[in-house]
Amino acid sequence: MQNIRKHPTHFVLGVGVVAIGFWLMANDHFFMWPPEAVGIFNDDVWGSFFVLDGVGLMIWVADEGRSIAWNRRLLTTTAGMMAFLTALQFLTWVATGRYMSWISNAIITAFVLILSRGSDTRDE
């Protein structure tokens, strides 16, 4: 609990990314565009990447010897995955007219970037 109090934003982000991953794995017909890649984007592998990244963030919070290098890698991976998900959902909305949650994902991406900017890098 003490470690969560030190890094609550990392922990909440980890829980949220895990939830997004499970959501993507549970919904096998979530993406419908582009038609050529629907099978790839709806594969559970994408959701698994989110789950692994979120678990990694939570492990980083629990670890007493928190590596700043791992923090950078995890936040970079999270930002990249969220940016990709946001862009895919935005383009799906533009191409099909079916609204997807790209706005909330854009906000999460911005949150990750702000968190990354504020992370301490003085020790490494």
N, C-alpha and C. Protein backbone atom coordinates (compact mmCIF):
# COMPACT_ATOMS: atom_id res chain seq x y z
N MET A 1 0.82 -1.19 0.00
CA MET A 1 0.00 0.00 0.00
C MET A 1 0.87 1.26 0.00
N GLN A 2 1.97 1.21 0.70
CA GLN A 2 2.87 2.36 0.78
C GLN A 2 3.39 2.74 -0.60
N ASN A 3 3.74 1.73 -1.40
CA ASN A 3 4.25 1.99 -2.75
C ASN A 3 3.18 2.59 -3.65
N ILE A 4 1.93 2.18 -3.46
CA ILE A 4 0.84 2.74 -4.26
C ILE A 4 0.65 4.21 -3.91
N ARG A 5 0.83 4.54 -2.64
CA ARG A 5 0.73 5.95 -2.23
C ARG A 5 1.84 6.80 -2.83
N LYS A 6 3.00 6.20 -3.06
CA LYS A 6 4.12 6.94 -3.67
C LYS A 6 3.89 7.20 -5.15
N HIS A 7 3.26 6.25 -5.84
CA HIS A 7 3.06 6.34 -7.29
C HIS A 7 1.63 5.97 -7.67
N PRO A 8 0.66 6.73 -7.19
CA PRO A 8 -0.74 6.36 -7.47
C PRO A 8 -1.10 6.47 -8.95
N THR A 9 -0.51 7.42 -9.67
CA THR A 9 -0.86 7.57 -11.08
C THR A 9 -0.37 6.39 -11.90
N HIS A 10 0.81 5.89 -11.59
CA HIS A 10 1.30 4.71 -12.30
C HIS A 10 0.41 3.51 -12.03
N PHE A 11 -0.01 3.36 -10.78
CA PHE A 11 -0.84 2.21 -10.42
C PHE A 11 -2.21 2.29 -11.10
N VAL A 12 -2.83 3.45 -11.05
CA VAL A 12 -4.14 3.62 -11.69
C VAL A 12 -4.03 3.42 -13.19
N LEU A 13 -2.97 3.94 -13.79
CA LEU A 13 -2.75 3.73 -15.22
C LEU A 13 -2.60 2.24 -15.51
N GLY A 14 -1.85 1.53 -14.68
CA GLY A 14 -1.69 0.08 -14.87
C GLY A 14 -3.01 -0.66 -14.81
N VAL A 15 -3.83 -0.33 -13.84
CA VAL A 15 -5.16 -0.97 -13.71
C VAL A 15 -6.01 -0.65 -14.94
N GLY A 16 -5.98 0.60 -15.38
CA GLY A 16 -6.76 0.99 -16.56
C GLY A 16 -6.31 0.29 -17.82
N VAL A 17 -5.00 0.17 -18.01
CA VAL A 17 -4.48 -0.50 -19.21
C VAL A 17 -4.83 -1.99 -19.18
N VAL A 18 -4.78 -2.59 -18.01
CA VAL A 18 -5.19 -4.00 -17.89
C VAL A 18 -6.67 -4.13 -18.25
N ALA A 19 -7.50 -3.22 -17.77
CA ALA A 19 -8.94 -3.26 -18.08
C ALA A 19 -9.18 -3.10 -19.58
N ILE A 20 -8.45 -2.19 -20.23
CA ILE A 20 -8.58 -2.03 -21.68
C ILE A 20 -8.18 -3.33 -22.39
N GLY A 21 -7.11 -3.95 -21.92
CA GLY A 21 -6.67 -5.21 -22.51
C GLY A 21 -7.71 -6.30 -22.40
N PHE A 22 -8.30 -6.44 -21.22
CA PHE A 22 -9.35 -7.46 -21.06
C PHE A 22 -10.57 -7.12 -21.91
N TRP A 23 -10.89 -5.84 -22.03
CA TRP A 23 -12.01 -5.42 -22.88
C TRP A 23 -11.75 -5.83 -24.33
N LEU A 24 -10.54 -5.58 -24.82
CA LEU A 24 -10.20 -5.93 -26.20
C LEU A 24 -10.24 -7.44 -26.40
N MET A 25 -9.82 -8.21 -25.40
CA MET A 25 -9.84 -9.66 -25.53
C MET A 25 -11.27 -10.21 -25.47
N ALA A 26 -12.14 -9.56 -24.71
CA ALA A 26 -13.52 -10.04 -24.56
C ALA A 26 -14.39 -9.72 -25.77
N ASN A 27 -14.03 -8.70 -26.53
CA ASN A 27 -14.85 -8.26 -27.67
C ASN A 27 -14.16 -8.65 -28.97
N ASP A 28 -14.53 -9.80 -29.51
CA ASP A 28 -13.87 -10.33 -30.70
C ASP A 28 -14.32 -9.67 -31.99
N HIS A 29 -15.32 -8.81 -31.94
CA HIS A 29 -15.78 -8.12 -33.14
C HIS A 29 -15.82 -6.61 -32.92
N PHE A 30 -14.90 -6.11 -32.11
CA PHE A 30 -14.88 -4.69 -31.76
C PHE A 30 -14.49 -3.82 -32.95
N PHE A 31 -13.40 -4.19 -33.64
CA PHE A 31 -12.93 -3.42 -34.78
C PHE A 31 -13.57 -3.92 -36.07
N MET A 32 -13.96 -2.99 -36.94
CA MET A 32 -14.58 -3.37 -38.20
C MET A 32 -13.87 -2.71 -39.40
N TRP A 33 -12.85 -1.96 -39.12
CA TRP A 33 -12.14 -1.25 -40.17
C TRP A 33 -10.67 -1.20 -39.81
N PRO A 34 -9.76 -1.28 -40.75
CA PRO A 34 -9.93 -1.54 -42.17
C PRO A 34 -10.27 -3.01 -42.41
N PRO A 35 -11.10 -3.26 -43.41
CA PRO A 35 -11.59 -4.63 -43.63
C PRO A 35 -10.48 -5.66 -43.80
N GLU A 36 -9.36 -5.25 -44.37
CA GLU A 36 -8.26 -6.19 -44.60
C GLU A 36 -7.60 -6.63 -43.30
N ALA A 37 -7.71 -5.81 -42.26
CA ALA A 37 -6.98 -6.09 -41.02
C ALA A 37 -7.89 -6.38 -39.83
N VAL A 38 -9.18 -6.54 -40.06
CA VAL A 38 -10.12 -6.76 -38.96
C VAL A 38 -9.73 -7.99 -38.15
N GLY A 39 -9.37 -9.05 -38.81
CA GLY A 39 -8.97 -10.28 -38.11
C GLY A 39 -7.74 -10.08 -37.25
N ILE A 40 -6.81 -9.27 -37.71
CA ILE A 40 -5.58 -9.01 -36.95
C ILE A 40 -5.89 -8.14 -35.74
N PHE A 41 -6.65 -7.06 -35.94
CA PHE A 41 -6.92 -6.13 -34.85
C PHE A 41 -7.84 -6.73 -33.79
N ASN A 42 -8.70 -7.66 -34.16
CA ASN A 42 -9.60 -8.28 -33.19
C ASN A 42 -8.99 -9.51 -32.52
N ASP A 43 -7.73 -9.80 -32.83
CA ASP A 43 -7.04 -10.92 -32.22
C ASP A 43 -6.74 -10.61 -30.75
N ASP A 44 -6.78 -11.62 -29.90
CA ASP A 44 -6.53 -11.44 -28.47
C ASP A 44 -5.09 -11.04 -28.16
N VAL A 45 -4.21 -11.16 -29.11
CA VAL A 45 -2.81 -10.76 -28.91
C VAL A 45 -2.73 -9.28 -28.54
N TRP A 46 -3.52 -8.44 -29.22
CA TRP A 46 -3.49 -7.00 -28.93
C TRP A 46 -3.90 -6.73 -27.49
N GLY A 47 -4.96 -7.37 -27.05
CA GLY A 47 -5.40 -7.21 -25.66
C GLY A 47 -4.36 -7.71 -24.68
N SER A 48 -3.68 -8.80 -25.04
CA SER A 48 -2.63 -9.34 -24.18
C SER A 48 -1.48 -8.36 -24.01
N PHE A 49 -1.14 -7.64 -25.06
CA PHE A 49 -0.09 -6.62 -24.95
C PHE A 49 -0.48 -5.56 -23.91
N PHE A 50 -1.73 -5.14 -23.94
CA PHE A 50 -2.20 -4.14 -22.98
C PHE A 50 -2.15 -4.71 -21.56
N VAL A 51 -2.61 -5.95 -21.39
CA VAL A 51 -2.60 -6.57 -20.06
C VAL A 51 -1.17 -6.67 -19.54
N LEU A 52 -0.25 -7.13 -20.36
CA LEU A 52 1.14 -7.27 -19.93
C LEU A 52 1.75 -5.92 -19.56
N ASP A 53 1.46 -4.91 -20.35
CA ASP A 53 1.99 -3.58 -20.06
C ASP A 53 1.42 -3.05 -18.75
N GLY A 54 0.12 -3.21 -18.55
CA GLY A 54 -0.50 -2.75 -17.31
C GLY A 54 0.03 -3.48 -16.09
N VAL A 55 0.19 -4.79 -16.20
CA VAL A 55 0.77 -5.57 -15.10
C VAL A 55 2.20 -5.11 -14.84
N GLY A 56 2.94 -4.82 -15.91
CA GLY A 56 4.30 -4.30 -15.75
C GLY A 56 4.33 -3.00 -14.98
N LEU A 57 3.39 -2.11 -15.26
CA LEU A 57 3.31 -0.85 -14.52
C LEU A 57 3.01 -1.10 -13.04
N MET A 58 2.12 -2.03 -12.75
CA MET A 58 1.78 -2.33 -11.35
C MET A 58 2.96 -3.00 -10.64
N ILE A 59 3.68 -3.86 -11.35
CA ILE A 59 4.88 -4.48 -10.76
C ILE A 59 5.93 -3.41 -10.48
N TRP A 60 6.08 -2.47 -11.40
CA TRP A 60 7.04 -1.39 -11.20
C TRP A 60 6.70 -0.61 -9.93
N VAL A 61 5.43 -0.35 -9.70
CA VAL A 61 5.01 0.37 -8.49
C VAL A 61 5.36 -0.45 -7.24
N ALA A 62 5.14 -1.76 -7.28
CA ALA A 62 5.37 -2.62 -6.12
C ALA A 62 6.86 -2.86 -5.86
N ASP A 63 7.69 -2.72 -6.87
CA ASP A 63 9.12 -3.01 -6.75
C ASP A 63 9.80 -1.92 -5.92
N GLU A 64 10.55 -2.35 -4.92
CA GLU A 64 11.25 -1.38 -4.05
C GLU A 64 12.40 -0.70 -4.78
N GLY A 65 13.06 -1.39 -5.69
CA GLY A 65 14.19 -0.82 -6.41
C GLY A 65 13.77 -0.30 -7.77
N ARG A 66 12.74 0.53 -7.82
CA ARG A 66 12.16 1.02 -9.07
C ARG A 66 13.22 1.55 -10.03
N SER A 67 13.35 0.90 -11.16
CA SER A 67 14.29 1.33 -12.18
C SER A 67 13.67 2.42 -13.04
N ILE A 68 14.36 3.53 -13.14
CA ILE A 68 13.87 4.63 -13.97
C ILE A 68 13.88 4.22 -15.44
N ALA A 69 14.84 3.39 -15.83
CA ALA A 69 14.89 2.91 -17.21
C ALA A 69 13.64 2.09 -17.54
N TRP A 70 13.21 1.22 -16.61
CA TRP A 70 11.99 0.44 -16.84
C TRP A 70 10.76 1.33 -16.85
N ASN A 71 10.76 2.35 -16.01
CA ASN A 71 9.67 3.31 -16.01
C ASN A 71 9.54 3.95 -17.39
N ARG A 72 10.66 4.37 -17.93
CA ARG A 72 10.66 4.98 -19.28
C ARG A 72 10.14 4.00 -20.32
N ARG A 73 10.62 2.78 -20.28
CA ARG A 73 10.20 1.78 -21.27
C ARG A 73 8.70 1.50 -21.17
N LEU A 74 8.22 1.32 -19.95
CA LEU A 74 6.80 1.02 -19.75
C LEU A 74 5.92 2.18 -20.19
N LEU A 75 6.29 3.41 -19.82
CA LEU A 75 5.48 4.56 -20.20
C LEU A 75 5.54 4.81 -21.71
N THR A 76 6.69 4.57 -22.32
CA THR A 76 6.80 4.71 -23.77
C THR A 76 5.93 3.68 -24.48
N THR A 77 5.96 2.44 -24.00
CA THR A 77 5.12 1.39 -24.57
C THR A 77 3.64 1.73 -24.40
N THR A 78 3.28 2.18 -23.21
CA THR A 78 1.88 2.54 -22.94
C THR A 78 1.44 3.67 -23.86
N ALA A 79 2.26 4.70 -23.98
CA ALA A 79 1.91 5.84 -24.85
C ALA A 79 1.76 5.39 -26.29
N GLY A 80 2.65 4.54 -26.76
CA GLY A 80 2.58 4.06 -28.14
C GLY A 80 1.33 3.23 -28.40
N MET A 81 1.02 2.33 -27.47
CA MET A 81 -0.17 1.49 -27.65
C MET A 81 -1.44 2.32 -27.58
N MET A 82 -1.50 3.26 -26.65
CA MET A 82 -2.69 4.11 -26.55
C MET A 82 -2.84 5.02 -27.76
N ALA A 83 -1.72 5.55 -28.27
CA ALA A 83 -1.78 6.40 -29.46
C ALA A 83 -2.25 5.58 -30.67
N PHE A 84 -1.76 4.35 -30.80
CA PHE A 84 -2.19 3.49 -31.90
C PHE A 84 -3.68 3.18 -31.79
N LEU A 85 -4.13 2.83 -30.57
CA LEU A 85 -5.54 2.52 -30.36
C LEU A 85 -6.41 3.75 -30.66
N THR A 86 -5.96 4.93 -30.23
CA THR A 86 -6.70 6.17 -30.49
C THR A 86 -6.80 6.43 -31.98
N ALA A 87 -5.68 6.31 -32.69
CA ALA A 87 -5.68 6.56 -34.13
C ALA A 87 -6.56 5.55 -34.86
N LEU A 88 -6.48 4.28 -34.48
CA LEU A 88 -7.30 3.26 -35.13
C LEU A 88 -8.78 3.52 -34.91
N GLN A 89 -9.14 3.90 -33.69
CA GLN A 89 -10.55 4.17 -33.41
C GLN A 89 -11.02 5.45 -34.10
N PHE A 90 -10.17 6.46 -34.16
CA PHE A 90 -10.53 7.70 -34.87
C PHE A 90 -10.74 7.43 -36.35
N LEU A 91 -9.81 6.70 -36.97
CA LEU A 91 -9.93 6.40 -38.40
C LEU A 91 -11.13 5.50 -38.69
N THR A 92 -11.45 4.59 -37.76
CA THR A 92 -12.65 3.76 -37.93
C THR A 92 -13.89 4.65 -37.91
N TRP A 93 -13.93 5.61 -37.01
CA TRP A 93 -15.07 6.54 -36.94
C TRP A 93 -15.18 7.36 -38.22
N VAL A 94 -14.04 7.85 -38.73
CA VAL A 94 -14.05 8.65 -39.96
C VAL A 94 -14.51 7.80 -41.15
N ALA A 95 -14.01 6.56 -41.23
CA ALA A 95 -14.30 5.72 -42.39
C ALA A 95 -15.71 5.12 -42.37
N THR A 96 -16.22 4.81 -41.17
CA THR A 96 -17.49 4.10 -41.10
C THR A 96 -18.63 4.93 -40.51
N GLY A 97 -18.30 5.98 -39.80
CA GLY A 97 -19.31 6.78 -39.12
C GLY A 97 -19.73 6.22 -37.78
N ARG A 98 -19.21 5.05 -37.42
CA ARG A 98 -19.52 4.44 -36.13
C ARG A 98 -18.56 5.01 -35.09
N TYR A 99 -19.13 5.72 -34.11
CA TYR A 99 -18.28 6.32 -33.08
C TYR A 99 -17.64 5.25 -32.23
N MET A 100 -16.36 5.45 -31.98
CA MET A 100 -15.62 4.59 -31.07
C MET A 100 -15.02 5.52 -30.02
N SER A 101 -14.53 4.98 -28.96
CA SER A 101 -14.10 5.78 -27.81
C SER A 101 -12.73 6.42 -28.02
N TRP A 102 -12.52 7.03 -29.17
CA TRP A 102 -11.21 7.61 -29.45
C TRP A 102 -10.93 8.84 -28.61
N ILE A 103 -11.96 9.59 -28.22
CA ILE A 103 -11.73 10.80 -27.43
C ILE A 103 -11.20 10.44 -26.04
N SER A 104 -11.82 9.48 -25.39
CA SER A 104 -11.33 9.08 -24.07
C SER A 104 -9.94 8.46 -24.16
N ASN A 105 -9.67 7.73 -25.23
CA ASN A 105 -8.33 7.16 -25.40
C ASN A 105 -7.30 8.25 -25.69
N ALA A 106 -7.70 9.30 -26.39
CA ALA A 106 -6.80 10.44 -26.60
C ALA A 106 -6.47 11.11 -25.27
N ILE A 107 -7.45 11.20 -24.39
CA ILE A 107 -7.21 11.79 -23.07
C ILE A 107 -6.26 10.91 -22.26
N ILE A 108 -6.44 9.60 -22.33
CA ILE A 108 -5.53 8.69 -21.62
C ILE A 108 -4.13 8.81 -22.19
N THR A 109 -4.01 8.92 -23.51
CA THR A 109 -2.70 9.09 -24.14
C THR A 109 -2.04 10.38 -23.65
N ALA A 110 -2.80 11.46 -23.58
CA ALA A 110 -2.26 12.73 -23.06
C ALA A 110 -1.83 12.57 -21.60
N PHE A 111 -2.62 11.85 -20.81
CA PHE A 111 -2.28 11.59 -19.41
C PHE A 111 -0.95 10.85 -19.31
N VAL A 112 -0.75 9.85 -20.16
CA VAL A 112 0.51 9.09 -20.15
C VAL A 112 1.67 10.00 -20.52
N LEU A 113 1.48 10.85 -21.52
CA LEU A 113 2.56 11.76 -21.92
C LEU A 113 2.89 12.76 -20.82
N ILE A 114 1.87 13.27 -20.14
CA ILE A 114 2.11 14.19 -19.02
C ILE A 114 2.81 13.45 -17.88
N LEU A 115 2.39 12.22 -17.60
CA LEU A 115 3.03 11.41 -16.57
C LEU A 115 4.49 11.14 -16.93
N SER A 116 4.75 10.86 -18.19
CA SER A 116 6.12 10.62 -18.65
C SER A 116 6.99 11.85 -18.48
N ARG A 117 6.43 12.98 -18.80
CA ARG A 117 7.18 14.23 -18.70
C ARG A 117 7.54 14.54 -17.24
N GLY A 118 6.65 14.20 -16.34
CA GLY A 118 6.88 14.50 -14.92
C GLY A 118 7.67 13.45 -14.19
N SER A 119 7.98 12.31 -14.84
CA SER A 119 8.73 11.25 -14.16
C SER A 119 10.16 11.67 -13.93
N ASP A 120 10.67 11.28 -12.79
CA ASP A 120 12.04 11.65 -12.39
C ASP A 120 13.07 10.87 -13.21
N THR A 121 14.00 11.58 -13.80
CA THR A 121 15.06 10.92 -14.58
C THR A 121 16.45 11.33 -14.08
N ARG A 122 16.54 11.89 -12.90
CA ARG A 122 17.83 12.39 -12.42
C ARG A 122 18.78 11.30 -12.00
N ASP A 123 18.30 10.13 -11.60
CA ASP A 123 19.18 9.09 -11.06
C ASP A 123 19.82 8.21 -12.12
N GLU A 124 19.32 8.22 -13.32
CA GLU A 124 19.90 7.35 -14.37
C GLU A 124 20.15 8.14 -15.63
